[in-house]
N, C-alpha and C. Protein backbone atom coordinates (compact mmCIF):
# COMPACT_ATOMS: atom_id res chain seq x y z
N UNK A 1 1.16 -1.26 0.26
CA UNK A 1 -0.02 0.05 0.30
C UNK A 1 1.52 0.96 0.14
N UNK A 2 0.34 2.15 -0.89
CA UNK A 2 1.31 3.34 -0.77
C UNK A 2 0.58 4.86 -0.15
N UNK A 3 1.27 5.22 0.80
CA UNK A 3 0.64 6.66 1.00
C UNK A 3 0.84 7.31 0.76
N UNK A 4 0.44 8.61 1.44
CA UNK A 4 0.28 9.79 0.63
C UNK A 4 1.82 10.26 0.39
N UNK A 5 2.95 10.03 0.69
CA UNK A 5 3.87 10.56 0.70
C UNK A 5 4.41 10.11 -0.89
N UNK A 6 3.89 8.96 -1.20
CA UNK A 6 4.33 7.78 -2.53
C UNK A 6 5.45 6.76 -1.70
N UNK A 7 5.10 6.43 -0.37
CA UNK A 7 6.00 5.72 -0.01
C UNK A 7 5.46 4.57 0.43
N UNK A 8 6.02 3.02 0.40
CA UNK A 8 5.64 2.19 0.20
C UNK A 8 5.72 1.32 1.19
N UNK A 9 4.58 1.87 2.78
CA UNK A 9 4.96 1.69 3.91
C UNK A 9 5.49 0.25 4.27
N UNK A 10 4.69 -0.64 4.10
CA UNK A 10 4.47 -2.39 4.22
C UNK A 10 6.45 -2.59 3.82
N UNK A 11 6.27 -2.47 1.90
CA UNK A 11 7.39 -2.73 1.76
C UNK A 11 8.43 -2.02 2.35
N UNK A 12 8.77 -1.02 2.91
CA UNK A 12 9.27 -0.24 3.70
C UNK A 12 10.26 -1.02 4.31
N UNK A 13 8.89 -1.01 5.37
CA UNK A 13 8.95 -1.58 6.94
C UNK A 13 9.82 -3.14 6.57
N UNK A 14 9.55 -4.02 5.88
CA UNK A 14 9.97 -4.83 5.14
C UNK A 14 11.56 -5.39 5.22
N UNK A 15 11.93 -4.21 4.57
CA UNK A 15 13.26 -3.99 4.40
C UNK A 15 14.18 -3.77 5.58
N UNK A 16 13.68 -2.59 6.11
CA UNK A 16 13.98 -2.12 7.82
C UNK A 16 14.20 -3.40 8.47
N UNK A 17 13.34 -4.13 8.68
CA UNK A 17 13.19 -5.36 9.37
C UNK A 17 14.45 -6.25 9.17
N UNK A 18 14.36 -6.54 7.54
CA UNK A 18 15.67 -7.45 7.07
C UNK A 18 16.86 -7.25 7.28
N UNK A 19 16.95 -6.15 7.21
CA UNK A 19 18.22 -5.42 7.21
C UNK A 19 18.56 -5.60 9.37
N UNK A 20 17.85 -5.06 9.93
CA UNK A 20 17.70 -5.26 11.29
C UNK A 20 18.50 -6.68 11.66
N UNK A 21 17.82 -7.75 10.63
CA UNK A 21 17.92 -9.00 11.44
C UNK A 21 19.15 -9.80 10.54
N UNK A 22 19.53 -9.10 9.73
CA UNK A 22 20.98 -9.33 9.14
C UNK A 22 21.85 -8.92 9.84
N UNK A 23 22.00 -7.63 10.44
CA UNK A 23 22.79 -6.89 11.20
C UNK A 23 23.34 -7.56 12.57
N UNK A 24 21.98 -8.30 13.11
CA UNK A 24 22.31 -8.66 14.53
C UNK A 24 22.64 -10.25 14.15
N UNK A 25 22.39 -10.83 13.05
CA UNK A 25 23.05 -11.92 12.51
C UNK A 25 25.00 -11.69 12.16
N UNK A 26 25.05 -10.50 11.77
CA UNK A 26 26.75 -10.34 11.66
C UNK A 26 26.99 -10.02 12.92
N UNK A 27 26.43 -9.30 13.83
CA UNK A 27 27.41 -9.27 15.16
C UNK A 27 27.38 -10.61 15.93
N UNK A 28 26.48 -11.76 15.90
CA UNK A 28 26.89 -12.72 16.20
C UNK A 28 28.17 -13.26 15.49
N UNK A 29 28.14 -13.65 14.08
CA UNK A 29 29.11 -13.94 13.42
C UNK A 29 30.74 -13.27 13.86
N UNK A 30 30.48 -11.77 14.13
CA UNK A 30 31.82 -10.98 14.27
C UNK A 30 31.88 -11.44 15.65
N UNK A 31 31.24 -11.73 16.38
CA UNK A 31 31.56 -12.45 17.68
C UNK A 31 32.24 -13.79 17.69
N UNK A 32 31.49 -14.90 16.76
CA UNK A 32 32.04 -15.95 16.99
C UNK A 32 34.18 -16.23 16.28
N UNK A 33 33.94 -15.16 15.59
CA UNK A 33 35.17 -15.10 14.97
C UNK A 33 36.35 -14.00 15.67
N UNK A 34 35.70 -13.49 16.55
CA UNK A 34 36.59 -12.91 17.44
C UNK A 34 36.97 -14.18 18.84
N UNK A 35 36.18 -14.43 19.12
CA UNK A 35 35.97 -16.34 20.16
C UNK A 35 37.29 -17.30 19.32
N UNK A 36 37.42 -17.58 18.06
CA UNK A 36 37.82 -18.22 17.09
C UNK A 36 39.51 -17.85 17.61
N UNK A 37 39.51 -16.33 17.11
CA UNK A 37 41.02 -15.47 17.48
C UNK A 37 41.72 -15.38 18.88
N UNK A 38 40.57 -15.47 19.56
CA UNK A 38 41.15 -15.15 20.81
C UNK A 38 41.81 -17.21 21.87
N UNK A 39 40.46 -18.04 20.89
CA UNK A 39 41.19 -19.64 20.86
C UNK A 39 42.63 -19.59 20.65
N UNK A 40 42.95 -19.28 19.22
CA UNK A 40 44.05 -19.40 18.47
C UNK A 40 45.24 -18.42 19.35
N UNK A 41 44.89 -17.30 19.79
CA UNK A 41 46.12 -16.87 20.84
C UNK A 41 46.22 -17.29 21.85
N UNK A 42 45.16 -18.29 22.49
CA UNK A 42 45.25 -18.90 23.63
C UNK A 42 46.41 -20.28 23.31
N UNK A 43 46.31 -20.58 22.28
CA UNK A 43 47.20 -21.66 21.75
C UNK A 43 48.68 -21.39 21.31
N UNK A 44 48.81 -20.19 21.28
CA UNK A 44 50.34 -19.47 21.15
C UNK A 44 50.44 -19.18 19.78
N UNK A 45 49.47 -19.01 18.74
CA UNK A 45 49.41 -18.33 17.71
C UNK A 45 49.07 -16.53 17.94
N UNK A 46 50.04 -15.91 16.85
CA UNK A 46 50.16 -14.59 16.62
C UNK A 46 48.97 -14.33 15.79
N UNK A 47 47.84 -13.80 16.48
CA UNK A 47 46.43 -13.17 15.83
C UNK A 47 47.23 -12.28 14.90
N UNK A 48 47.60 -11.47 15.03
CA UNK A 48 48.00 -10.07 14.19
C UNK A 48 48.44 -10.97 12.42
N UNK A 49 49.18 -12.05 12.74
CA UNK A 49 49.74 -12.59 11.63
C UNK A 49 48.72 -13.77 11.17
N UNK A 50 47.94 -13.95 11.86
CA UNK A 50 46.46 -14.97 11.08
C UNK A 50 45.58 -14.01 10.26
N UNK A 51 45.34 -13.03 10.93
CA UNK A 51 44.53 -12.19 10.35
C UNK A 51 45.30 -11.53 8.66
N UNK A 52 46.33 -11.90 9.15
CA UNK A 52 46.88 -11.35 7.73
C UNK A 52 46.90 -12.73 6.59
N UNK A 53 47.09 -13.54 7.41
CA UNK A 53 46.57 -14.33 6.31
C UNK A 53 45.63 -14.77 6.03
N UNK A 54 44.56 -14.35 6.63
CA UNK A 54 43.07 -14.75 6.17
C UNK A 54 42.66 -13.66 4.94
N UNK A 55 43.20 -12.73 5.06
CA UNK A 55 43.42 -11.26 4.10
C UNK A 55 44.03 -12.10 3.26
N UNK A 56 44.95 -12.60 2.94
CA UNK A 56 46.06 -12.95 2.27
C UNK A 56 44.93 -14.20 0.77
N UNK A 57 44.41 -15.22 1.88
CA UNK A 57 44.01 -16.21 1.05
C UNK A 57 42.77 -15.93 0.02
N UNK A 58 42.06 -14.59 0.84
CA UNK A 58 41.07 -14.12 0.02
C UNK A 58 41.55 -13.81 -1.82
N UNK A 59 42.78 -12.93 -1.59
CA UNK A 59 43.07 -12.83 -2.78
C UNK A 59 43.74 -13.90 -3.95
N UNK A 60 43.63 -13.22 -4.88
CA UNK A 60 43.65 -14.38 -6.23
C UNK A 60 45.72 -13.92 -6.03
N UNK A 61 46.24 -15.12 -6.88
CA UNK A 61 47.84 -15.17 -6.16
C UNK A 61 48.36 -14.17 -7.01
N UNK A 62 48.21 -13.57 -8.38
CA UNK A 62 48.28 -12.33 -8.87
C UNK A 62 48.20 -10.95 -8.23
N UNK A 63 47.16 -11.07 -7.68
CA UNK A 63 46.67 -10.15 -6.66
C UNK A 63 47.68 -9.97 -5.26
N UNK A 64 48.27 -11.06 -4.83
CA UNK A 64 48.89 -11.19 -3.99
C UNK A 64 50.69 -10.50 -4.11
N UNK A 65 51.01 -10.89 -5.41
CA UNK A 65 52.48 -10.84 -6.38
C UNK A 65 52.23 -9.37 -6.51
N UNK A 66 51.41 -8.79 -6.95
CA UNK A 66 51.03 -7.45 -7.07
C UNK A 66 51.44 -6.52 -5.74
N UNK A 67 50.83 -6.57 -4.81
CA UNK A 67 50.60 -6.31 -3.89
C UNK A 67 52.04 -6.22 -2.70
N UNK A 68 52.61 -7.33 -3.46
CA UNK A 68 53.99 -7.82 -2.87
C UNK A 68 55.17 -6.81 -3.35
N UNK A 69 54.76 -6.54 -5.09
CA UNK A 69 56.00 -5.80 -5.78
C UNK A 69 55.74 -4.41 -5.32
N UNK A 70 54.43 -4.11 -5.26
CA UNK A 70 54.17 -2.68 -4.48
C UNK A 70 54.91 -2.05 -3.43
N UNK A 71 54.59 -3.24 -2.11
CA UNK A 71 55.18 -2.71 -1.04
C UNK A 71 57.05 -3.14 -1.46
N UNK A 72 57.52 -4.20 -1.98
CA UNK A 72 58.75 -3.90 -2.27
C UNK A 72 59.57 -2.96 -2.80
N UNK A 73 58.77 -2.11 -3.58
CA UNK A 73 58.97 -1.01 -3.86
C UNK A 73 59.48 0.38 -3.57
N UNK A 74 58.16 0.63 -2.10
CA UNK A 74 58.14 1.70 -1.23
C UNK A 74 58.94 1.27 -0.47
N UNK A 75 59.13 -0.11 0.01
CA UNK A 75 60.89 -0.39 1.14
C UNK A 75 61.78 0.11 0.47
N UNK A 76 61.84 -0.26 -0.67
CA UNK A 76 63.56 -0.03 -1.30
C UNK A 76 63.22 1.59 -1.17
N UNK A 77 62.19 2.58 -1.75
CA UNK A 77 62.31 4.04 -1.77
C UNK A 77 62.74 4.56 -0.58
N UNK A 78 62.14 3.49 0.66
CA UNK A 78 62.19 4.50 1.75
C UNK A 78 63.79 3.82 2.72
N UNK A 79 64.09 2.76 2.00
CA UNK A 79 65.66 2.15 2.18
C UNK A 79 65.15 1.62 4.18
N UNK A 80 64.31 0.73 3.39
CA UNK A 80 63.80 0.19 4.22
C UNK A 80 63.90 -1.46 3.75
N UNK A 81 64.17 -1.58 2.69
CA UNK A 81 64.67 -3.09 2.08
C UNK A 81 65.47 -3.86 2.80
N UNK A 82 65.45 -5.27 3.07
CA UNK A 82 66.94 -5.90 3.41
C UNK A 82 67.62 -5.96 2.39
N UNK A 83 68.88 -6.31 2.89
CA UNK A 83 70.11 -6.68 1.96
C UNK A 83 69.62 -8.01 1.08
N UNK A 84 70.53 -7.74 0.07
CA UNK A 84 69.93 -8.63 -1.20
C UNK A 84 69.95 -10.44 -0.74
N UNK A 85 71.09 -10.50 -0.04
CA UNK A 85 71.66 -11.67 0.96
C UNK A 85 70.50 -12.15 1.79
N UNK A 86 69.92 -11.55 2.25
CA UNK A 86 69.26 -11.86 3.35
C UNK A 86 67.96 -12.02 2.67
N UNK A 87 67.33 -11.80 1.68
CA UNK A 87 66.17 -11.63 0.59
C UNK A 87 66.43 -13.04 -0.11
N UNK A 88 67.68 -13.52 -0.66
CA UNK A 88 67.81 -14.62 -1.25
C UNK A 88 67.51 -15.65 -0.26
N UNK A 89 67.87 -15.90 1.19
CA UNK A 89 68.12 -16.88 2.26
C UNK A 89 66.95 -16.81 3.08
N UNK A 90 65.88 -15.94 2.41
CA UNK A 90 64.34 -15.89 2.72
C UNK A 90 63.46 -16.39 1.70
N UNK A 91 63.85 -16.66 0.45
CA UNK A 91 63.15 -17.23 -0.83
C UNK A 91 63.53 -18.64 -0.81
N UNK A 92 65.22 -19.32 -0.20
CA UNK A 92 65.31 -20.13 -0.15
C UNK A 92 64.59 -21.04 0.72
N UNK A 93 64.12 -20.34 2.11
CA UNK A 93 63.63 -21.06 2.90
C UNK A 93 62.23 -21.15 2.83
N UNK A 94 61.49 -20.36 1.85
CA UNK A 94 60.07 -20.35 1.60
C UNK A 94 60.03 -21.76 0.35
N UNK A 95 61.30 -22.06 -0.34
CA UNK A 95 60.85 -22.91 -1.24
C UNK A 95 61.51 -24.19 -0.92
N UNK A 96 61.95 -24.37 0.66
CA UNK A 96 61.67 -25.54 1.03
C UNK A 96 60.70 -26.44 1.16
N UNK A 97 59.31 -25.80 0.93
CA UNK A 97 58.38 -27.38 1.10
C UNK A 97 57.87 -27.21 2.26
N UNK A 98 58.69 -26.91 3.45
CA UNK A 98 58.02 -27.07 4.51
C UNK A 98 56.97 -25.99 5.01
N UNK A 99 55.76 -26.64 5.81
CA UNK A 99 54.18 -26.01 5.86
C UNK A 99 53.99 -26.23 7.43
N UNK A 100 54.65 -26.95 8.40
CA UNK A 100 54.64 -26.83 10.07
C UNK A 100 54.84 -25.49 10.05
N UNK A 101 53.85 -24.99 11.42
CA UNK A 101 54.28 -23.73 11.64
C UNK A 101 54.10 -24.44 13.03
N UNK A 102 54.67 -23.68 14.03
CA UNK A 102 54.85 -24.38 15.24
C UNK A 102 54.45 -22.85 16.15
N UNK A 103 53.33 -22.92 16.89
CA UNK A 103 52.59 -21.97 17.72
C UNK A 103 53.84 -21.06 18.40
N UNK A 104 53.47 -19.50 18.62
CA UNK A 104 54.69 -18.90 19.64
C UNK A 104 54.52 -19.31 21.02
N UNK A 105 55.51 -19.39 21.38
CA UNK A 105 55.60 -19.01 22.96
C UNK A 105 55.23 -18.08 23.32
N UNK A 106 54.20 -17.63 25.01
CA UNK A 106 53.52 -16.69 25.36
C UNK A 106 54.89 -16.68 26.25
């Protein structure tokens, strides 16, 4: 039904109520995610790094490579880049194929 102002009040109310329900569901999910991070932290994992890993997994490989290249460019421009020897050692460690990660000691 359309009110005199040209607004379908029933439809508008339905949209608002749906949004409110979804916002509540989002809050519950956000709280669940916080609980998982707290559990991981309690088991010795670095939450900041976990968040970064989750963020990186959302990206395509070419997006990660592009982001890493730009970061490297900026680091070099600011004189913050590691020496070439350290970079080659890091590259070799990454290529070793080891995926076992030990949690940090608190």
